[in-house]
């Protein structure tokens, strides 16, 4: 399995609005795709900013291409992202993933 990480930040006052926007756009689109295994959306307030870490889980690089297009290293942005985000992070990071269950037994991907 592959984990895809994107980071972004908004003004603290925009946190809830941007979260709702993420649910309607990226979250909704990704969850419909074959090969997606789910999403974890982490967020926190840090002073006058709200920070976001969007982690999506995929079966393969080919599955990521269905969402990101030919250059899977580039972040995917929606039209209103520029309205909320303090800057547009140009790239995402991918990691191969291993998982462990509650009993600490190893399971590959």
PDB file of N, CA and C in Angstrom:
ATOM      1  N   UNK A   1       0.852  -1.175   0.000  1.00  0.00           N
ATOM      2  CA  UNK A   1       0.000   0.000   0.000  1.00  0.00           C
ATOM      3  C   UNK A   1       0.895   1.234   0.000  1.00  0.00           C
ATOM      4  N   UNK A   2       0.380   2.304  -0.572  1.00  0.00           N
ATOM      5  CA  UNK A   2       1.117   3.567  -0.651  1.00  0.00           C
ATOM      6  C   UNK A   2       0.318   4.655   0.053  1.00  0.00           C
ATOM      7  N   UNK A   3       1.001   5.441   0.870  1.00  0.00           N
ATOM      8  CA  UNK A   3       0.387   6.589   1.541  1.00  0.00           C
ATOM      9  C   UNK A   3       0.855   7.854   0.840  1.00  0.00           C
ATOM     10  N   UNK A   4      -0.076   8.730   0.543  1.00  0.00           N
ATOM     11  CA  UNK A   4       0.197  10.005  -0.147  1.00  0.00           C
ATOM     12  C   UNK A   4      -0.089  11.137   0.845  1.00  0.00           C
ATOM     13  N   UNK A   5       0.919  11.982   1.094  1.00  0.00           N
ATOM     14  CA  UNK A   5       0.822  13.052   2.085  1.00  0.00           C
ATOM     15  C   UNK A   5       0.822  14.422   1.415  1.00  0.00           C
ATOM     16  N   UNK A   6      -0.151  15.248   1.801  1.00  0.00           N
ATOM     17  CA  UNK A   6      -0.201  16.649   1.376  1.00  0.00           C
ATOM     18  C   UNK A   6      -0.381  17.502   2.625  1.00  0.00           C
ATOM     19  N   UNK A   7       0.318  18.633   2.661  1.00  0.00           N
ATOM     20  CA  UNK A   7       0.189  19.581   3.776  1.00  0.00           C
ATOM     21  C   UNK A   7      -0.279  20.927   3.250  1.00  0.00           C
ATOM     22  N   UNK A   8      -1.069  21.613   4.075  1.00  0.00           N
ATOM     23  CA  UNK A   8      -1.516  22.957   3.734  1.00  0.00           C
ATOM     24  C   UNK A   8      -1.882  23.715   4.990  1.00  0.00           C
ATOM     25  N   UNK A   9      -2.071  25.020   4.847  1.00  0.00           N
ATOM     26  CA  UNK A   9      -2.444  25.866   5.989  1.00  0.00           C
ATOM     27  C   UNK A   9      -3.364  26.983   5.517  1.00  0.00           C
ATOM     28  N   UNK A  10      -4.313  27.312   6.383  1.00  0.00           N
ATOM     29  CA  UNK A  10      -5.223  28.438   6.160  1.00  0.00           C
ATOM     30  C   UNK A  10      -5.129  29.371   7.372  1.00  0.00           C
ATOM     31  N   UNK A  11      -5.825  30.485   7.278  1.00  0.00           N
ATOM     32  CA  UNK A  11      -5.989  31.306   8.486  1.00  0.00           C
ATOM     33  C   UNK A  11      -6.837  30.493   9.460  1.00  0.00           C
ATOM     34  N   UNK A  12      -6.595  30.653  10.746  1.00  0.00           N
ATOM     35  CA  UNK A  12      -7.354  29.910  11.754  1.00  0.00           C
ATOM     36  C   UNK A  12      -8.856  30.126  11.581  1.00  0.00           C
ATOM     37  N   UNK A  13      -9.244  31.322  11.237  1.00  0.00           N
ATOM     38  CA  UNK A  13     -10.666  31.643  11.082  1.00  0.00           C
ATOM     39  C   UNK A  13     -11.319  30.869   9.934  1.00  0.00           C
ATOM     40  N   UNK A  14     -10.525  30.373   8.984  1.00  0.00           N
ATOM     41  CA  UNK A  14     -11.056  29.634   7.833  1.00  0.00           C
ATOM     42  C   UNK A  14     -11.047  28.121   8.022  1.00  0.00           C
ATOM     43  N   UNK A  15     -10.601  27.641   9.175  1.00  0.00           N
ATOM     44  CA  UNK A  15     -10.441  26.194   9.365  1.00  0.00           C
ATOM     45  C   UNK A  15     -11.710  25.421   9.068  1.00  0.00           C
ATOM     46  N   UNK A  16     -12.803  25.734   9.708  1.00  0.00           N
ATOM     47  CA  UNK A  16     -14.026  24.946   9.541  1.00  0.00           C
ATOM     48  C   UNK A  16     -14.567  25.026   8.119  1.00  0.00           C
ATOM     49  N   UNK A  17     -14.498  26.202   7.524  1.00  0.00           N
ATOM     50  CA  UNK A  17     -14.970  26.364   6.146  1.00  0.00           C
ATOM     51  C   UNK A  17     -14.119  25.549   5.195  1.00  0.00           C
ATOM     52  N   UNK A  18     -12.798  25.567   5.399  1.00  0.00           N
ATOM     53  CA  UNK A  18     -11.910  24.806   4.517  1.00  0.00           C
ATOM     54  C   UNK A  18     -12.086  23.297   4.726  1.00  0.00           C
ATOM     55  N   UNK A  19     -12.294  22.875   5.957  1.00  0.00           N
ATOM     56  CA  UNK A  19     -12.558  21.455   6.203  1.00  0.00           C
ATOM     57  C   UNK A  19     -13.791  20.984   5.435  1.00  0.00           C
ATOM     58  N   UNK A  20     -14.842  21.765   5.495  1.00  0.00           N
ATOM     59  CA  UNK A  20     -16.063  21.412   4.768  1.00  0.00           C
ATOM     60  C   UNK A  20     -15.797  21.378   3.266  1.00  0.00           C
ATOM     61  N   UNK A  21     -15.013  22.326   2.776  1.00  0.00           N
ATOM     62  CA  UNK A  21     -14.645  22.372   1.360  1.00  0.00           C
ATOM     63  C   UNK A  21     -13.847  21.122   0.977  1.00  0.00           C
ATOM     64  N   UNK A  22     -12.883  20.713   1.817  1.00  0.00           N
ATOM     65  CA  UNK A  22     -12.109  19.499   1.543  1.00  0.00           C
ATOM     66  C   UNK A  22     -13.023  18.276   1.465  1.00  0.00           C
ATOM     67  N   UNK A  23     -14.014  18.204   2.334  1.00  0.00           N
ATOM     68  CA  UNK A  23     -14.948  17.078   2.329  1.00  0.00           C
ATOM     69  C   UNK A  23     -15.708  17.018   1.009  1.00  0.00           C
ATOM     70  N   UNK A  24     -16.113  18.174   0.485  1.00  0.00           N
ATOM     71  CA  UNK A  24     -16.894  18.228  -0.769  1.00  0.00           C
ATOM     72  C   UNK A  24     -16.053  17.979  -2.006  1.00  0.00           C
ATOM     73  N   UNK A  25     -14.756  18.257  -1.934  1.00  0.00           N
ATOM     74  CA  UNK A  25     -13.906  18.173  -3.128  1.00  0.00           C
ATOM     75  C   UNK A  25     -12.990  16.951  -3.062  1.00  0.00           C
ATOM     76  N   UNK A  26     -11.800  17.121  -2.540  1.00  0.00           N
ATOM     77  CA  UNK A  26     -10.805  16.057  -2.553  1.00  0.00           C
ATOM     78  C   UNK A  26     -11.249  14.770  -1.885  1.00  0.00           C
ATOM     79  N   UNK A  27     -11.828  14.871  -0.700  1.00  0.00           N
ATOM     80  CA  UNK A  27     -12.271  13.663   0.008  1.00  0.00           C
ATOM     81  C   UNK A  27     -13.311  12.920  -0.819  1.00  0.00           C
ATOM     82  N   UNK A  28     -14.335  13.614  -1.267  1.00  0.00           N
ATOM     83  CA  UNK A  28     -15.404  12.972  -2.036  1.00  0.00           C
ATOM     84  C   UNK A  28     -14.872  12.351  -3.325  1.00  0.00           C
ATOM     85  N   UNK A  29     -14.011  13.068  -4.036  1.00  0.00           N
ATOM     86  CA  UNK A  29     -13.474  12.550  -5.299  1.00  0.00           C
ATOM     87  C   UNK A  29     -12.589  11.329  -5.081  1.00  0.00           C
ATOM     88  N   UNK A  30     -11.707  11.389  -4.109  1.00  0.00           N
ATOM     89  CA  UNK A  30     -10.778  10.288  -3.877  1.00  0.00           C
ATOM     90  C   UNK A  30     -11.508   9.020  -3.438  1.00  0.00           C
ATOM     91  N   UNK A  31     -12.484   9.153  -2.555  1.00  0.00           N
ATOM     92  CA  UNK A  31     -13.167   7.969  -2.039  1.00  0.00           C
ATOM     93  C   UNK A  31     -13.942   7.212  -3.117  1.00  0.00           C
ATOM     94  N   UNK A  32     -14.230   7.853  -4.236  1.00  0.00           N
ATOM     95  CA  UNK A  32     -14.940   7.204  -5.345  1.00  0.00           C
ATOM     96  C   UNK A  32     -14.013   6.370  -6.226  1.00  0.00           C
ATOM     97  N   UNK A  33     -12.710   6.549  -6.097  1.00  0.00           N
ATOM     98  CA  UNK A  33     -11.766   5.947  -7.043  1.00  0.00           C
ATOM     99  C   UNK A  33     -11.393   4.512  -6.685  1.00  0.00           C
ATOM    100  N   UNK A  34     -11.336   3.693  -7.714  1.00  0.00           N
ATOM    101  CA  UNK A  34     -10.847   2.328  -7.578  1.00  0.00           C
ATOM    102  C   UNK A  34      -9.391   2.383  -7.110  1.00  0.00           C
ATOM    103  N   UNK A  35      -9.064   1.571  -6.146  1.00  0.00           N
ATOM    104  CA  UNK A  35      -7.688   1.529  -5.663  1.00  0.00           C
ATOM    105  C   UNK A  35      -7.421   2.436  -4.484  1.00  0.00           C
ATOM    106  N   UNK A  36      -8.402   3.251  -4.089  1.00  0.00           N
ATOM    107  CA  UNK A  36      -8.223   4.064  -2.886  1.00  0.00           C
ATOM    108  C   UNK A  36      -8.665   3.241  -1.685  1.00  0.00           C
ATOM    109  N   UNK A  37      -7.887   3.293  -0.615  1.00  0.00           N
ATOM    110  CA  UNK A  37      -8.176   2.522   0.597  1.00  0.00           C
ATOM    111  C   UNK A  37      -8.635   3.395   1.759  1.00  0.00           C
ATOM    112  N   UNK A  38      -8.801   4.683   1.523  1.00  0.00           N
ATOM    113  CA  UNK A  38      -9.290   5.559   2.581  1.00  0.00           C
ATOM    114  C   UNK A  38      -8.425   6.788   2.749  1.00  0.00           C
ATOM    115  N   UNK A  39      -8.859   7.639   3.653  1.00  0.00           N
ATOM    116  CA  UNK A  39      -8.222   8.933   3.896  1.00  0.00           C
ATOM    117  C   UNK A  39      -8.179   9.176   5.390  1.00  0.00           C
ATOM    118  N   UNK A  40      -7.134   9.833   5.824  1.00  0.00           N
ATOM    119  CA  UNK A  40      -7.066  10.395   7.170  1.00  0.00           C
ATOM    120  C   UNK A  40      -6.786  11.875   6.989  1.00  0.00           C
ATOM    121  N   UNK A  41      -7.623  12.706   7.566  1.00  0.00           N
ATOM    122  CA  UNK A  41      -7.476  14.154   7.448  1.00  0.00           C
ATOM    123  C   UNK A  41      -7.207  14.708   8.838  1.00  0.00           C
ATOM    124  N   UNK A  42      -5.977  15.123   9.052  1.00  0.00           N
ATOM    125  CA  UNK A  42      -5.565  15.653  10.347  1.00  0.00           C
ATOM    126  C   UNK A  42      -5.522  17.173  10.258  1.00  0.00           C
ATOM    127  N   UNK A  43      -5.899  17.838  11.351  1.00  0.00           N
ATOM    128  CA  UNK A  43      -5.847  19.295  11.359  1.00  0.00           C
ATOM    129  C   UNK A  43      -5.653  19.787  12.778  1.00  0.00           C
ATOM    130  N   UNK A  44      -5.047  20.972  12.884  1.00  0.00           N
ATOM    131  CA  UNK A  44      -4.834  21.571  14.199  1.00  0.00           C
ATOM    132  C   UNK A  44      -4.706  23.068  14.052  1.00  0.00           C
ATOM    133  N   UNK A  45      -5.031  23.763  15.132  1.00  0.00           N
ATOM    134  CA  UNK A  45      -4.790  25.205  15.202  1.00  0.00           C
ATOM    135  C   UNK A  45      -3.389  25.415  15.742  1.00  0.00           C
ATOM    136  N   UNK A  46      -2.658  26.314  15.102  1.00  0.00           N
ATOM    137  CA  UNK A  46      -1.301  26.665  15.520  1.00  0.00           C
ATOM    138  C   UNK A  46      -1.184  28.184  15.432  1.00  0.00           C
ATOM    139  N   UNK A  47      -1.486  28.839  16.529  1.00  0.00           N
ATOM    140  CA  UNK A  47      -1.493  30.296  16.530  1.00  0.00           C
ATOM    141  C   UNK A  47      -2.612  30.820  15.662  1.00  0.00           C
ATOM    142  N   UNK A  48      -2.273  31.670  14.703  1.00  0.00           N
ATOM    143  CA  UNK A  48      -3.290  32.261  13.836  1.00  0.00           C
ATOM    144  C   UNK A  48      -3.513  31.463  12.549  1.00  0.00           C
ATOM    145  N   UNK A  49      -2.978  30.236  12.514  1.00  0.00           N
ATOM    146  CA  UNK A  49      -3.142  29.381  11.345  1.00  0.00           C
ATOM    147  C   UNK A  49      -3.805  28.059  11.720  1.00  0.00           C
ATOM    148  N   UNK A  50      -4.427  27.449  10.722  1.00  0.00           N
ATOM    149  CA  UNK A  50      -4.920  26.080  10.828  1.00  0.00           C
ATOM    150  C   UNK A  50      -4.078  25.245   9.872  1.00  0.00           C
ATOM    151  N   UNK A  51      -3.474  24.188  10.389  1.00  0.00           N
ATOM    152  CA  UNK A  51      -2.634  23.317   9.577  1.00  0.00           C
ATOM    153  C   UNK A  51      -3.402  22.042   9.253  1.00  0.00           C
ATOM    154  N   UNK A  52      -3.174  21.532   8.044  1.00  0.00           N
ATOM    155  CA  UNK A  52      -3.852  20.337   7.564  1.00  0.00           C
ATOM    156  C   UNK A  52      -2.825  19.335   7.057  1.00  0.00           C
ATOM    157  N   UNK A  53      -3.053  18.077   7.379  1.00  0.00           N
ATOM    158  CA  UNK A  53      -2.279  16.979   6.814  1.00  0.00           C
ATOM    159  C   UNK A  53      -3.294  15.995   6.245  1.00  0.00           C
ATOM    160  N   UNK A  54      -3.269  15.859   4.937  1.00  0.00           N
ATOM    161  CA  UNK A  54      -4.217  15.034   4.199  1.00  0.00           C
ATOM    162  C   UNK A  54      -3.453  13.790   3.759  1.00  0.00           C
ATOM    163  N   UNK A  55      -3.849  12.632   4.278  1.00  0.00           N
ATOM    164  CA  UNK A  55      -3.167  11.381   3.960  1.00  0.00           C
ATOM    165  C   UNK A  55      -4.167  10.455   3.282  1.00  0.00           C
ATOM    166  N   UNK A  56      -3.854  10.063   2.063  1.00  0.00           N
ATOM    167  CA  UNK A  56      -4.707   9.106   1.352  1.00  0.00           C
ATOM    168  C   UNK A  56      -3.912   7.825   1.140  1.00  0.00           C
ATOM    169  N   UNK A  57      -4.629   6.715   1.127  1.00  0.00           N
ATOM    170  CA  UNK A  57      -4.010   5.393   1.042  1.00  0.00           C
ATOM    171  C   UNK A  57      -4.448   4.719  -0.254  1.00  0.00           C
ATOM    172  N   UNK A  58      -3.472   4.133  -0.950  1.00  0.00           N
ATOM    173  CA  UNK A  58      -3.696   3.620  -2.303  1.00  0.00           C
ATOM    174  C   UNK A  58      -3.109   2.223  -2.481  1.00  0.00           C
ATOM    175  N   UNK A  59      -3.734   1.445  -3.361  1.00  0.00           N
ATOM    176  CA  UNK A  59      -3.233   0.114  -3.692  1.00  0.00           C
ATOM    177  C   UNK A  59      -1.950   0.169  -4.511  1.00  0.00           C
ATOM    178  N   UNK A  60      -1.830   1.195  -5.376  1.00  0.00           N
ATOM    179  CA  UNK A  60      -0.692   1.229  -6.301  1.00  0.00           C
ATOM    180  C   UNK A  60      -0.475   2.647  -6.827  1.00  0.00           C
ATOM    181  N   UNK A  61       0.657   2.835  -7.486  1.00  0.00           N
ATOM    182  CA  UNK A  61       0.926   4.121  -8.143  1.00  0.00           C
ATOM    183  C   UNK A  61      -0.062   4.355  -9.279  1.00  0.00           C
ATOM    184  N   UNK A  62      -0.456   3.294  -9.970  1.00  0.00           N
ATOM    185  CA  UNK A  62      -1.450   3.439 -11.048  1.00  0.00           C
ATOM    186  C   UNK A  62      -2.763   3.991 -10.504  1.00  0.00           C
ATOM    187  N   UNK A  63      -3.169   3.559  -9.327  1.00  0.00           N
ATOM    188  CA  UNK A  63      -4.403   4.075  -8.723  1.00  0.00           C
ATOM    189  C   UNK A  63      -4.260   5.562  -8.414  1.00  0.00           C
ATOM    190  N   UNK A  64      -3.089   5.990  -7.974  1.00  0.00           N
ATOM    191  CA  UNK A  64      -2.857   7.412  -7.694  1.00  0.00           C
ATOM    192  C   UNK A  64      -2.946   8.234  -8.981  1.00  0.00           C
ATOM    193  N   UNK A  65      -2.462   7.672 -10.091  1.00  0.00           N
ATOM    194  CA  UNK A  65      -2.550   8.374 -11.385  1.00  0.00           C
ATOM    195  C   UNK A  65      -3.991   8.722 -11.743  1.00  0.00           C
ATOM    196  N   UNK A  66      -4.938   7.881 -11.373  1.00  0.00           N
ATOM    197  CA  UNK A  66      -6.352   8.154 -11.672  1.00  0.00           C
ATOM    198  C   UNK A  66      -6.820   9.437 -11.002  1.00  0.00           C
ATOM    199  N   UNK A  67      -6.227   9.783  -9.873  1.00  0.00           N
ATOM    200  CA  UNK A  67      -6.576  11.023  -9.174  1.00  0.00           C
ATOM    201  C   UNK A  67      -5.669  12.183  -9.580  1.00  0.00           C
ATOM    202  N   UNK A  68      -4.379  11.950  -9.587  1.00  0.00           N
ATOM    203  CA  UNK A  68      -3.404  13.035  -9.724  1.00  0.00           C
ATOM    204  C   UNK A  68      -2.989  13.323 -11.158  1.00  0.00           C
ATOM    205  N   UNK A  69      -3.266  12.417 -12.081  1.00  0.00           N
ATOM    206  CA  UNK A  69      -2.814  12.607 -13.445  1.00  0.00           C
ATOM    207  C   UNK A  69      -1.412  12.053 -13.642  1.00  0.00           C
ATOM    208  N   UNK A  70      -0.756  12.449 -14.738  1.00  0.00           N
ATOM    209  CA  UNK A  70       0.529  11.839 -15.084  1.00  0.00           C
ATOM    210  C   UNK A  70       1.665  12.143 -14.104  1.00  0.00           C
ATOM    211  N   UNK A  71       1.638  13.297 -13.461  1.00  0.00           N
ATOM    212  CA  UNK A  71       2.695  13.661 -12.522  1.00  0.00           C
ATOM    213  C   UNK A  71       2.176  13.508 -11.096  1.00  0.00           C
ATOM    214  N   UNK A  72       2.332  12.318 -10.538  1.00  0.00           N
ATOM    215  CA  UNK A  72       1.752  12.053  -9.218  1.00  0.00           C
ATOM    216  C   UNK A  72       2.486  12.771  -8.091  1.00  0.00           C
ATOM    217  N   UNK A  73       3.640  13.354  -8.379  1.00  0.00           N
ATOM    218  CA  UNK A  73       4.367  14.110  -7.351  1.00  0.00           C
ATOM    219  C   UNK A  73       3.772  15.506  -7.148  1.00  0.00           C
ATOM    220  N   UNK A  74       2.989  15.974  -8.099  1.00  0.00           N
ATOM    221  CA  UNK A  74       2.384  17.304  -8.002  1.00  0.00           C
ATOM    222  C   UNK A  74       1.100  17.253  -7.180  1.00  0.00           C
ATOM    223  N   UNK A  75       0.915  18.260  -6.360  1.00  0.00           N
ATOM    224  CA  UNK A  75      -0.308  18.367  -5.570  1.00  0.00           C
ATOM    225  C   UNK A  75      -1.492  18.653  -6.493  1.00  0.00           C
ATOM    226  N   UNK A  76      -2.660  18.166  -6.103  1.00  0.00           N
ATOM    227  CA  UNK A  76      -3.900  18.416  -6.839  1.00  0.00           C
ATOM    228  C   UNK A  76      -4.653  19.519  -6.099  1.00  0.00           C
ATOM    229  N   UNK A  77      -5.012  20.574  -6.828  1.00  0.00           N
ATOM    230  CA  UNK A  77      -5.749  21.680  -6.219  1.00  0.00           C
ATOM    231  C   UNK A  77      -7.071  21.889  -6.935  1.00  0.00           C
ATOM    232  N   UNK A  78      -8.043  22.351  -6.177  1.00  0.00           N
ATOM    233  CA  UNK A  78      -9.372  22.655  -6.685  1.00  0.00           C
ATOM    234  C   UNK A  78      -9.506  24.179  -6.782  1.00  0.00           C
ATOM    235  N   UNK A  79     -10.502  24.660  -7.551  1.00  0.00           N
ATOM    236  CA  UNK A  79     -10.592  26.102  -7.837  1.00  0.00           C
ATOM    237  C   UNK A  79     -10.566  27.023  -6.619  1.00  0.00           C
ATOM    238  N   UNK A  80     -11.227  26.667  -5.544  1.00  0.00           N
ATOM    239  CA  UNK A  80     -11.293  27.576  -4.401  1.00  0.00           C
ATOM    240  C   UNK A  80     -10.142  27.407  -3.403  1.00  0.00           C
ATOM    241  N   UNK A  81      -9.237  26.474  -3.642  1.00  0.00           N
ATOM    242  CA  UNK A  81      -8.103  26.303  -2.730  1.00  0.00           C
ATOM    243  C   UNK A  81      -7.321  27.605  -2.571  1.00  0.00           C
ATOM    244  N   UNK A  82      -7.141  28.332  -3.658  1.00  0.00           N
ATOM    245  CA  UNK A  82      -6.379  29.591  -3.606  1.00  0.00           C
ATOM    246  C   UNK A  82      -7.059  30.637  -2.703  1.00  0.00           C
ATOM    247  N   UNK A  83      -8.359  30.518  -2.569  1.00  0.00           N
ATOM    248  CA  UNK A  83      -9.110  31.443  -1.716  1.00  0.00           C
ATOM    249  C   UNK A  83      -8.774  31.232  -0.233  1.00  0.00           C
ATOM    250  N   UNK A  84      -8.473  29.985   0.151  1.00  0.00           N
ATOM    251  CA  UNK A  84      -8.266  29.651   1.559  1.00  0.00           C
ATOM    252  C   UNK A  84      -6.805  29.434   1.961  1.00  0.00           C
ATOM    253  N   UNK A  85      -6.053  28.762   1.104  1.00  0.00           N
ATOM    254  CA  UNK A  85      -4.701  28.366   1.491  1.00  0.00           C
ATOM    255  C   UNK A  85      -3.738  29.543   1.506  1.00  0.00           C
ATOM    256  N   UNK A  86      -2.847  29.549   2.478  1.00  0.00           N
ATOM    257  CA  UNK A  86      -1.848  30.620   2.596  1.00  0.00           C
ATOM    258  C   UNK A  86      -0.771  30.486   1.530  1.00  0.00           C
ATOM    259  N   UNK A  87      -0.513  29.270   1.087  1.00  0.00           N
ATOM    260  CA  UNK A  87       0.378  29.022  -0.046  1.00  0.00           C
ATOM    261  C   UNK A  87       0.009  27.677  -0.647  1.00  0.00           C
ATOM    262  N   UNK A  88       0.385  27.472  -1.893  1.00  0.00           N
ATOM    263  CA  UNK A  88       0.099  26.211  -2.567  1.00  0.00           C
ATOM    264  C   UNK A  88       1.377  25.367  -2.568  1.00  0.00           C
ATOM    265  N   UNK A  89       1.370  24.320  -1.797  1.00  0.00           N
ATOM    266  CA  UNK A  89       2.505  23.408  -1.751  1.00  0.00           C
ATOM    267  C   UNK A  89       2.574  22.692  -3.097  1.00  0.00           C
ATOM    268  N   UNK A  90       3.696  22.801  -3.807  1.00  0.00           N
ATOM    269  CA  UNK A  90       3.728  22.239  -5.157  1.00  0.00           C
ATOM    270  C   UNK A  90       3.779  20.717  -5.224  1.00  0.00           C
ATOM    271  N   UNK A  91       4.326  20.070  -4.197  1.00  0.00           N
ATOM    272  CA  UNK A  91       4.512  18.632  -4.281  1.00  0.00           C
ATOM    273  C   UNK A  91       3.918  17.903  -3.078  1.00  0.00           C
ATOM    274  N   UNK A  92       3.626  16.651  -3.303  1.00  0.00           N
ATOM    275  CA  UNK A  92       3.202  15.749  -2.242  1.00  0.00           C
ATOM    276  C   UNK A  92       4.325  14.743  -2.008  1.00  0.00           C
ATOM    277  N   UNK A  93       4.178  13.938  -0.969  1.00  0.00           N
ATOM    278  CA  UNK A  93       5.174  12.913  -0.652  1.00  0.00           C
ATOM    279  C   UNK A  93       4.463  11.565  -0.592  1.00  0.00           C
ATOM    280  N   UNK A  94       5.106  10.551  -1.154  1.00  0.00           N
ATOM    281  CA  UNK A  94       4.564   9.188  -1.119  1.00  0.00           C
ATOM    282  C   UNK A  94       5.486   8.287  -0.312  1.00  0.00           C
ATOM    283  N   UNK A  95       4.866   7.386   0.449  1.00  0.00           N
ATOM    284  CA  UNK A  95       5.605   6.393   1.220  1.00  0.00           C
ATOM    285  C   UNK A  95       4.988   5.025   0.995  1.00  0.00           C
ATOM    286  N   UNK A  96       5.817   4.010   0.854  1.00  0.00           N
ATOM    287  CA  UNK A  96       5.299   2.652   0.910  1.00  0.00           C
ATOM    288  C   UNK A  96       4.964   2.374   2.364  1.00  0.00           C
ATOM    289  N   UNK A  97       3.948   1.590   2.583  1.00  0.00           N
ATOM    290  CA  UNK A  97       3.407   1.463   3.922  1.00  0.00           C
ATOM    291  C   UNK A  97       3.341   0.011   4.365  1.00  0.00           C
ATOM    292  N   UNK A  98       3.655  -0.200   5.612  1.00  0.00           N
ATOM    293  CA  UNK A  98       3.440  -1.478   6.279  1.00  0.00           C
ATOM    294  C   UNK A  98       2.493  -1.212   7.438  1.00  0.00           C
ATOM    295  N   UNK A  99       1.654  -2.171   7.731  1.00  0.00           N
ATOM    296  CA  UNK A  99       0.691  -1.972   8.814  1.00  0.00           C
ATOM    297  C   UNK A  99       0.878  -3.037   9.882  1.00  0.00           C
ATOM    298  N   UNK A 100       0.410  -2.728  11.071  1.00  0.00           N
ATOM    299  CA  UNK A 100       0.471  -3.630  12.208  1.00  0.00           C
ATOM    300  C   UNK A 100      -0.900  -3.606  12.873  1.00  0.00           C
ATOM    301  N   UNK A 101      -1.366  -4.754  13.286  1.00  0.00           N
ATOM    302  CA  UNK A 101      -2.651  -4.769  13.971  1.00  0.00           C
ATOM    303  C   UNK A 101      -2.442  -4.550  15.466  1.00  0.00           C
ATOM    304  N   UNK A 102      -3.504  -4.579  16.215  1.00  0.00           N
ATOM    305  CA  UNK A 102      -3.448  -4.273  17.652  1.00  0.00           C
ATOM    306  C   UNK A 102      -2.555  -5.237  18.419  1.00  0.00           C
ATOM    307  N   UNK A 103      -2.348  -6.404  17.895  1.00  0.00           N
ATOM    308  CA  UNK A 103      -1.491  -7.388  18.569  1.00  0.00           C
ATOM    309  C   UNK A 103      -0.057  -7.335  18.051  1.00  0.00           C
ATOM    310  N   UNK A 104       0.233  -6.309  17.274  1.00  0.00           N
ATOM    311  CA  UNK A 104       1.573  -6.051  16.743  1.00  0.00           C
ATOM    312  C   UNK A 104       2.052  -7.109  15.754  1.00  0.00           C
ATOM    313  N   UNK A 105       1.117  -7.757  15.133  1.00  0.00           N
ATOM    314  CA  UNK A 105       1.497  -8.691  14.078  1.00  0.00           C
ATOM    315  C   UNK A 105       1.639  -7.909  12.788  1.00  0.00           C
ATOM    316  N   UNK A 106       2.694  -8.126  12.091  1.00  0.00           N
ATOM    317  CA  UNK A 106       3.022  -7.394  10.862  1.00  0.00           C
ATOM    318  C   UNK A 106       2.150  -7.876   9.706  1.00  0.00           C
ATOM    319  N   UNK A 107       1.680  -6.914   8.931  1.00  0.00           N
ATOM    320  CA  UNK A 107       0.978  -7.211   7.686  1.00  0.00           C
ATOM    321  C   UNK A 107       1.581  -6.295   6.633  1.00  0.00           C
ATOM    322  N   UNK A 108       2.061  -6.827   5.547  1.00  0.00           N
ATOM    323  CA  UNK A 108       2.594  -5.993   4.468  1.00  0.00           C
ATOM    324  C   UNK A 108       1.442  -5.263   3.809  1.00  0.00           C
ATOM    325  N   UNK A 109       1.663  -3.970   3.491  1.00  0.00           N
ATOM    326  CA  UNK A 109       0.733  -3.131   2.754  1.00  0.00           C
ATOM    327  C   UNK A 109      -0.663  -3.450   3.029  1.00  0.00           C
TER     328      UNK A 109
END
